[in-house]
Amino acid sequence: EERDRLMAALKIAGLDLGMRKGIEFCKT
């Protein structure tokens, strides 16, 4: 369960980072 929680946390962080990079891309 601890591993599963971290994997979910990493996906959330990845979504956040991916959206921020997409916003930067479109700003440019």
PDB file of all heavy atoms in Angstrom:
ATOM      1  N   GLU A   1       0.825  -1.205   0.000  1.00  0.00           N
ATOM      2  CA  GLU A   1       0.000   0.000   0.000  1.00  0.00           C
ATOM      3  C   GLU A   1       0.863   1.260   0.000  1.00  0.00           C
ATOM      4  O   GLU A   1       0.524   2.250  -0.650  1.00  0.00           O
ATOM      5  CB  GLU A   1      -0.956   0.008   1.199  1.00  0.00           C
ATOM      6  CG  GLU A   1      -2.063  -1.027   1.120  1.00  0.00           C
ATOM      7  CD  GLU A   1      -1.623  -2.438   1.527  1.00  0.00           C
ATOM      8  OE1 GLU A   1      -0.547  -2.597   2.176  1.00  0.00           O
ATOM      9  OE2 GLU A   1      -2.326  -3.395   1.174  1.00  0.00           O
ATOM     10  N   GLU A   2       1.981   1.232   0.731  1.00  0.00           N
ATOM     11  CA  GLU A   2       2.888   2.386   0.740  1.00  0.00           C
ATOM     12  C   GLU A   2       3.438   2.636  -0.668  1.00  0.00           C
ATOM     13  O   GLU A   2       3.505   3.773  -1.127  1.00  0.00           O
ATOM     14  CB  GLU A   2       4.049   2.167   1.716  1.00  0.00           C
ATOM     15  CG  GLU A   2       3.664   2.271   3.161  1.00  0.00           C
ATOM     16  CD  GLU A   2       4.852   2.069   4.097  1.00  0.00           C
ATOM     17  OE1 GLU A   2       5.980   1.808   3.633  1.00  0.00           O
ATOM     18  OE2 GLU A   2       4.642   2.181   5.316  1.00  0.00           O
ATOM     19  N   ARG A   3       3.820   1.572  -1.351  1.00  0.00           N
ATOM     20  CA  ARG A   3       4.322   1.705  -2.718  1.00  0.00           C
ATOM     21  C   ARG A   3       3.236   2.265  -3.630  1.00  0.00           C
ATOM     22  O   ARG A   3       3.487   3.164  -4.430  1.00  0.00           O
ATOM     23  CB  ARG A   3       4.804   0.348  -3.245  1.00  0.00           C
ATOM     24  CG  ARG A   3       5.346   0.416  -4.653  1.00  0.00           C
ATOM     25  CD  ARG A   3       5.480  -0.989  -5.270  1.00  0.00           C
ATOM     26  NE  ARG A   3       5.824  -0.900  -6.659  1.00  0.00           N
ATOM     27  CZ  ARG A   3       4.980  -0.597  -7.643  1.00  0.00           C
ATOM     28  NH1 ARG A   3       3.719  -0.328  -7.384  1.00  0.00           N
ATOM     29  NH2 ARG A   3       5.377  -0.544  -8.889  1.00  0.00           N
ATOM     30  N   ASP A   4       2.022   1.748  -3.514  1.00  0.00           N
ATOM     31  CA  ASP A   4       0.908   2.218  -4.346  1.00  0.00           C
ATOM     32  C   ASP A   4       0.626   3.701  -4.106  1.00  0.00           C
ATOM     33  O   ASP A   4       0.331   4.440  -5.048  1.00  0.00           O
ATOM     34  CB  ASP A   4      -0.353   1.396  -4.079  1.00  0.00           C
ATOM     35  CG  ASP A   4      -0.213  -0.052  -4.533  1.00  0.00           C
ATOM     36  OD1 ASP A   4       0.729  -0.371  -5.290  1.00  0.00           O
ATOM     37  OD2 ASP A   4      -1.057  -0.886  -4.108  1.00  0.00           O
ATOM     38  N   ARG A   5       0.700   4.124  -2.848  1.00  0.00           N
ATOM     39  CA  ARG A   5       0.472   5.547  -2.538  1.00  0.00           C
ATOM     40  C   ARG A   5       1.538   6.413  -3.205  1.00  0.00           C
ATOM     41  O   ARG A   5       1.231   7.473  -3.745  1.00  0.00           O
ATOM     42  CB  ARG A   5       0.484   5.771  -1.026  1.00  0.00           C
ATOM     43  CG  ARG A   5      -0.738   5.212  -0.319  1.00  0.00           C
ATOM     44  CD  ARG A   5      -0.715   5.521   1.157  1.00  0.00           C
ATOM     45  NE  ARG A   5      -1.011   6.942   1.338  1.00  0.00           N
ATOM     46  CZ  ARG A   5      -0.642   7.642   2.391  1.00  0.00           C
ATOM     47  NH1 ARG A   5       0.054   7.096   3.361  1.00  0.00           N
ATOM     48  NH2 ARG A   5      -0.961   8.917   2.488  1.00  0.00           N
ATOM     49  N   LEU A   6       2.800   5.976  -3.145  1.00  0.00           N
ATOM     50  CA  LEU A   6       3.855   6.770  -3.779  1.00  0.00           C
ATOM     51  C   LEU A   6       3.673   6.800  -5.290  1.00  0.00           C
ATOM     52  O   LEU A   6       3.849   7.849  -5.915  1.00  0.00           O
ATOM     53  CB  LEU A   6       5.248   6.247  -3.422  1.00  0.00           C
ATOM     54  CG  LEU A   6       6.386   7.038  -4.076  1.00  0.00           C
ATOM     55  CD1 LEU A   6       6.392   8.503  -3.621  1.00  0.00           C
ATOM     56  CD2 LEU A   6       7.729   6.378  -3.804  1.00  0.00           C
ATOM     57  N   MET A   7       3.299   5.674  -5.897  1.00  0.00           N
ATOM     58  CA  MET A   7       3.096   5.663  -7.351  1.00  0.00           C
ATOM     59  C   MET A   7       1.980   6.632  -7.742  1.00  0.00           C
ATOM     60  O   MET A   7       2.088   7.366  -8.722  1.00  0.00           O
ATOM     61  CB  MET A   7       2.780   4.251  -7.853  1.00  0.00           C
ATOM     62  CG  MET A   7       3.918   3.246  -7.682  1.00  0.00           C
ATOM     63  SD  MET A   7       5.470   3.735  -8.463  1.00  0.00           S
ATOM     64  CE  MET A   7       6.445   4.156  -7.037  1.00  0.00           C
ATOM     65  N   ALA A   8       0.905   6.668  -6.955  1.00  0.00           N
ATOM     66  CA  ALA A   8      -0.180   7.621  -7.219  1.00  0.00           C
ATOM     67  C   ALA A   8       0.324   9.052  -7.037  1.00  0.00           C
ATOM     68  O   ALA A   8       0.006   9.944  -7.838  1.00  0.00           O
ATOM     69  CB  ALA A   8      -1.366   7.349  -6.300  1.00  0.00           C
ATOM     70  N   ALA A   9       1.118   9.280  -5.998  1.00  0.00           N
ATOM     71  CA  ALA A   9       1.676  10.618  -5.748  1.00  0.00           C
ATOM     72  C   ALA A   9       2.557  11.072  -6.908  1.00  0.00           C
ATOM     73  O   ALA A   9       2.509  12.229  -7.326  1.00  0.00           O
ATOM     74  CB  ALA A   9       2.475  10.617  -4.445  1.00  0.00           C
ATOM     75  N   LEU A  10       3.344  10.154  -7.446  1.00  0.00           N
ATOM     76  CA  LEU A  10       4.220  10.501  -8.571  1.00  0.00           C
ATOM     77  C   LEU A  10       3.406  10.828  -9.826  1.00  0.00           C
ATOM     78  O   LEU A  10       3.779  11.709 -10.598  1.00  0.00           O
ATOM     79  CB  LEU A  10       5.213   9.371  -8.838  1.00  0.00           C
ATOM     80  CG  LEU A  10       6.261   9.179  -7.746  1.00  0.00           C
ATOM     81  CD1 LEU A  10       7.018   7.868  -7.951  1.00  0.00           C
ATOM     82  CD2 LEU A  10       7.210  10.353  -7.690  1.00  0.00           C
ATOM     83  N   LYS A  11       2.304  10.142 -10.016  1.00  0.00           N
ATOM     84  CA  LYS A  11       1.438  10.459 -11.161  1.00  0.00           C
ATOM     85  C   LYS A  11       0.829  11.848 -11.010  1.00  0.00           C
ATOM     86  O   LYS A  11       0.745  12.603 -11.971  1.00  0.00           O
ATOM     87  CB  LYS A  11       0.342   9.400 -11.321  1.00  0.00           C
ATOM     88  CG  LYS A  11       0.882   8.081 -11.835  1.00  0.00           C
ATOM     89  CD  LYS A  11      -0.218   7.042 -11.941  1.00  0.00           C
ATOM     90  CE  LYS A  11       0.329   5.706 -12.402  1.00  0.00           C
ATOM     91  NZ  LYS A  11      -0.712   4.673 -12.489  1.00  0.00           N
ATOM     92  N   ILE A  12       0.400  12.191  -9.785  1.00  0.00           N
ATOM     93  CA  ILE A  12      -0.147  13.525  -9.549  1.00  0.00           C
ATOM     94  C   ILE A  12       0.920  14.581  -9.827  1.00  0.00           C
ATOM     95  O   ILE A  12       0.659  15.586 -10.496  1.00  0.00           O
ATOM     96  CB  ILE A  12      -0.698  13.646  -8.112  1.00  0.00           C
ATOM     97  CG1 ILE A  12      -1.971  12.798  -7.974  1.00  0.00           C
ATOM     98  CG2 ILE A  12      -0.967  15.103  -7.745  1.00  0.00           C
ATOM     99  CD1 ILE A  12      -2.477  12.653  -6.550  1.00  0.00           C
ATOM    100  N   ALA A  13       2.129  14.361  -9.324  1.00  0.00           N
ATOM    101  CA  ALA A  13       3.226  15.307  -9.569  1.00  0.00           C
ATOM    102  C   ALA A  13       3.526  15.414 -11.058  1.00  0.00           C
ATOM    103  O   ALA A  13       3.803  16.503 -11.570  1.00  0.00           O
ATOM    104  CB  ALA A  13       4.477  14.878  -8.800  1.00  0.00           C
ATOM    105  N   GLY A  14       3.449  14.301 -11.762  1.00  0.00           N
ATOM    106  CA  GLY A  14       3.684  14.311 -13.208  1.00  0.00           C
ATOM    107  C   GLY A  14       2.621  15.076 -13.970  1.00  0.00           C
ATOM    108  O   GLY A  14       2.928  15.814 -14.908  1.00  0.00           O
ATOM    109  N   LEU A  15       1.361  14.908 -13.556  1.00  0.00           N
ATOM    110  CA  LEU A  15       0.287  15.686 -14.177  1.00  0.00           C
ATOM    111  C   LEU A  15       0.525  17.175 -13.973  1.00  0.00           C
ATOM    112  O   LEU A  15       0.398  17.976 -14.902  1.00  0.00           O
ATOM    113  CB  LEU A  15      -1.068  15.304 -13.582  1.00  0.00           C
ATOM    114  CG  LEU A  15      -1.701  14.018 -14.059  1.00  0.00           C
ATOM    115  CD1 LEU A  15      -2.915  13.672 -13.204  1.00  0.00           C
ATOM    116  CD2 LEU A  15      -2.092  14.123 -15.519  1.00  0.00           C
ATOM    117  N   ASP A  16       0.870  17.542 -12.751  1.00  0.00           N
ATOM    118  CA  ASP A  16       1.112  18.945 -12.433  1.00  0.00           C
ATOM    119  C   ASP A  16       2.251  19.502 -13.289  1.00  0.00           C
ATOM    120  O   ASP A  16       2.105  20.554 -13.919  1.00  0.00           O
ATOM    121  CB  ASP A  16       1.428  19.090 -10.943  1.00  0.00           C
ATOM    122  CG  ASP A  16       1.489  20.539 -10.507  1.00  0.00           C
ATOM    123  OD1 ASP A  16       0.428  21.124 -10.244  1.00  0.00           O
ATOM    124  OD2 ASP A  16       2.605  21.080 -10.440  1.00  0.00           O
ATOM    125  N   LEU A  17       3.352  18.794 -13.318  1.00  0.00           N
ATOM    126  CA  LEU A  17       4.508  19.255 -14.084  1.00  0.00           C
ATOM    127  C   LEU A  17       4.187  19.310 -15.579  1.00  0.00           C
ATOM    128  O   LEU A  17       4.548  20.271 -16.260  1.00  0.00           O
ATOM    129  CB  LEU A  17       5.704  18.341 -13.822  1.00  0.00           C
ATOM    130  CG  LEU A  17       7.025  18.734 -14.456  1.00  0.00           C
ATOM    131  CD1 LEU A  17       7.451  20.138 -14.031  1.00  0.00           C
ATOM    132  CD2 LEU A  17       8.100  17.720 -14.082  1.00  0.00           C
ATOM    133  N   GLY A  18       3.493  18.304 -16.081  1.00  0.00           N
ATOM    134  CA  GLY A  18       3.132  18.288 -17.496  1.00  0.00           C
ATOM    135  C   GLY A  18       2.238  19.458 -17.887  1.00  0.00           C
ATOM    136  O   GLY A  18       2.439  20.092 -18.926  1.00  0.00           O
ATOM    137  N   MET A  19       1.266  19.772 -17.025  1.00  0.00           N
ATOM    138  CA  MET A  19       0.390  20.908 -17.331  1.00  0.00           C
ATOM    139  C   MET A  19       1.159  22.228 -17.278  1.00  0.00           C
ATOM    140  O   MET A  19       0.969  23.096 -18.122  1.00  0.00           O
ATOM    141  CB  MET A  19      -0.802  20.935 -16.378  1.00  0.00           C
ATOM    142  CG  MET A  19      -1.844  19.884 -16.726  1.00  0.00           C
ATOM    143  SD  MET A  19      -3.353  20.021 -15.739  1.00  0.00           S
ATOM    144  CE  MET A  19      -2.866  19.150 -14.256  1.00  0.00           C
ATOM    145  N   ARG A  20       2.049  22.363 -16.290  1.00  0.00           N
ATOM    146  CA  ARG A  20       2.832  23.605 -16.198  1.00  0.00           C
ATOM    147  C   ARG A  20       3.737  23.775 -17.422  1.00  0.00           C
ATOM    148  O   ARG A  20       3.868  24.884 -17.948  1.00  0.00           O
ATOM    149  CB  ARG A  20       3.645  23.635 -14.898  1.00  0.00           C
ATOM    150  CG  ARG A  20       2.759  23.921 -13.692  1.00  0.00           C
ATOM    151  CD  ARG A  20       3.540  24.146 -12.414  1.00  0.00           C
ATOM    152  NE  ARG A  20       4.051  22.871 -11.920  1.00  0.00           N
ATOM    153  CZ  ARG A  20       5.320  22.648 -11.586  1.00  0.00           C
ATOM    154  NH1 ARG A  20       6.219  23.583 -11.661  1.00  0.00           N
ATOM    155  NH2 ARG A  20       5.688  21.461 -11.147  1.00  0.00           N
ATOM    156  N   LYS A  21       4.332  22.689 -17.896  1.00  0.00           N
ATOM    157  CA  LYS A  21       5.189  22.787 -19.088  1.00  0.00           C
ATOM    158  C   LYS A  21       4.339  23.107 -20.322  1.00  0.00           C
ATOM    159  O   LYS A  21       4.767  23.860 -21.191  1.00  0.00           O
ATOM    160  CB  LYS A  21       5.988  21.499 -19.305  1.00  0.00           C
ATOM    161  CG  LYS A  21       7.049  21.229 -18.260  1.00  0.00           C
ATOM    162  CD  LYS A  21       7.992  22.380 -18.039  1.00  0.00           C
ATOM    163  CE  LYS A  21       8.902  22.659 -19.202  1.00  0.00           C
ATOM    164  NZ  LYS A  21       9.833  23.773 -18.968  1.00  0.00           N
ATOM    165  N   GLY A  22       3.148  22.546 -20.416  1.00  0.00           N
ATOM    166  CA  GLY A  22       2.255  22.867 -21.524  1.00  0.00           C
ATOM    167  C   GLY A  22       1.851  24.330 -21.516  1.00  0.00           C
ATOM    168  O   GLY A  22       1.780  24.982 -22.561  1.00  0.00           O
ATOM    169  N   ILE A  23       1.596  24.877 -20.328  1.00  0.00           N
ATOM    170  CA  ILE A  23       1.258  26.300 -20.201  1.00  0.00           C
ATOM    171  C   ILE A  23       2.436  27.149 -20.649  1.00  0.00           C
ATOM    172  O   ILE A  23       2.272  28.108 -21.411  1.00  0.00           O
ATOM    173  CB  ILE A  23       0.826  26.639 -18.756  1.00  0.00           C
ATOM    174  CG1 ILE A  23      -0.555  26.029 -18.478  1.00  0.00           C
ATOM    175  CG2 ILE A  23       0.813  28.141 -18.520  1.00  0.00           C
ATOM    176  CD1 ILE A  23      -0.948  26.040 -17.006  1.00  0.00           C
ATOM    177  N   GLU A  24       3.637  26.793 -20.200  1.00  0.00           N
ATOM    178  CA  GLU A  24       4.840  27.535 -20.627  1.00  0.00           C
ATOM    179  C   GLU A  24       4.984  27.491 -22.149  1.00  0.00           C
ATOM    180  O   GLU A  24       5.300  28.498 -22.778  1.00  0.00           O
ATOM    181  CB  GLU A  24       6.097  26.939 -19.989  1.00  0.00           C
ATOM    182  CG  GLU A  24       6.278  27.262 -18.542  1.00  0.00           C
ATOM    183  CD  GLU A  24       7.517  26.588 -17.960  1.00  0.00           C
ATOM    184  OE1 GLU A  24       8.471  26.289 -18.720  1.00  0.00           O
ATOM    185  OE2 GLU A  24       7.525  26.337 -16.744  1.00  0.00           O
ATOM    186  N   PHE A  25       4.754  26.321 -22.720  1.00  0.00           N
ATOM    187  CA  PHE A  25       4.867  26.159 -24.163  1.00  0.00           C
ATOM    188  C   PHE A  25       3.890  27.092 -24.876  1.00  0.00           C
ATOM    189  O   PHE A  25       4.259  27.810 -25.814  1.00  0.00           O
ATOM    190  CB  PHE A  25       4.592  24.703 -24.557  1.00  0.00           C
ATOM    191  CG  PHE A  25       4.676  24.459 -26.033  1.00  0.00           C
ATOM    192  CD1 PHE A  25       5.885  24.157 -26.631  1.00  0.00           C
ATOM    193  CD2 PHE A  25       3.547  24.538 -26.830  1.00  0.00           C
ATOM    194  CE1 PHE A  25       5.973  23.937 -27.999  1.00  0.00           C
ATOM    195  CE2 PHE A  25       3.617  24.321 -28.196  1.00  0.00           C
ATOM    196  CZ  PHE A  25       4.838  24.016 -28.781  1.00  0.00           C
ATOM    197  N   CYS A  26       2.641  27.097 -24.434  1.00  0.00           N
ATOM    198  CA  CYS A  26       1.638  27.937 -25.086  1.00  0.00           C
ATOM    199  C   CYS A  26       1.884  29.422 -24.832  1.00  0.00           C
ATOM    200  O   CYS A  26       1.583  30.246 -25.697  1.00  0.00           O
ATOM    201  CB  CYS A  26       0.236  27.515 -24.665  1.00  0.00           C
ATOM    202  SG  CYS A  26      -0.254  25.917 -25.396  1.00  0.00           S
ATOM    203  N   LYS A  27       2.439  29.779 -23.692  1.00  0.00           N
ATOM    204  CA  LYS A  27       2.795  31.183 -23.452  1.00  0.00           C
ATOM    205  C   LYS A  27       3.822  31.647 -24.479  1.00  0.00           C
ATOM    206  O   LYS A  27       3.773  32.786 -24.946  1.00  0.00           O
ATOM    207  CB  LYS A  27       3.361  31.374 -22.044  1.00  0.00           C
ATOM    208  CG  LYS A  27       2.308  31.464 -20.975  1.00  0.00           C
ATOM    209  CD  LYS A  27       2.934  31.715 -19.612  1.00  0.00           C
ATOM    210  CE  LYS A  27       1.851  31.839 -18.559  1.00  0.00           C
ATOM    211  NZ  LYS A  27       2.412  32.037 -17.214  1.00  0.00           N
ATOM    212  N   THR A  28       4.720  30.757 -24.844  1.00  0.00           N
ATOM    213  CA  THR A  28       5.772  31.085 -25.804  1.00  0.00           C
ATOM    214  C   THR A  28       5.257  31.062 -27.241  1.00  0.00           C
ATOM    215  O   THR A  28       5.621  31.906 -28.049  1.00  0.00           O
ATOM    216  CB  THR A  28       6.943  30.079 -25.679  1.00  0.00           C
ATOM    217  OG1 THR A  28       7.432  30.132 -24.341  1.00  0.00           O
ATOM    218  CG2 THR A  28       8.051  30.402 -26.650  1.00  0.00           C
TER     219      THR A  28
END
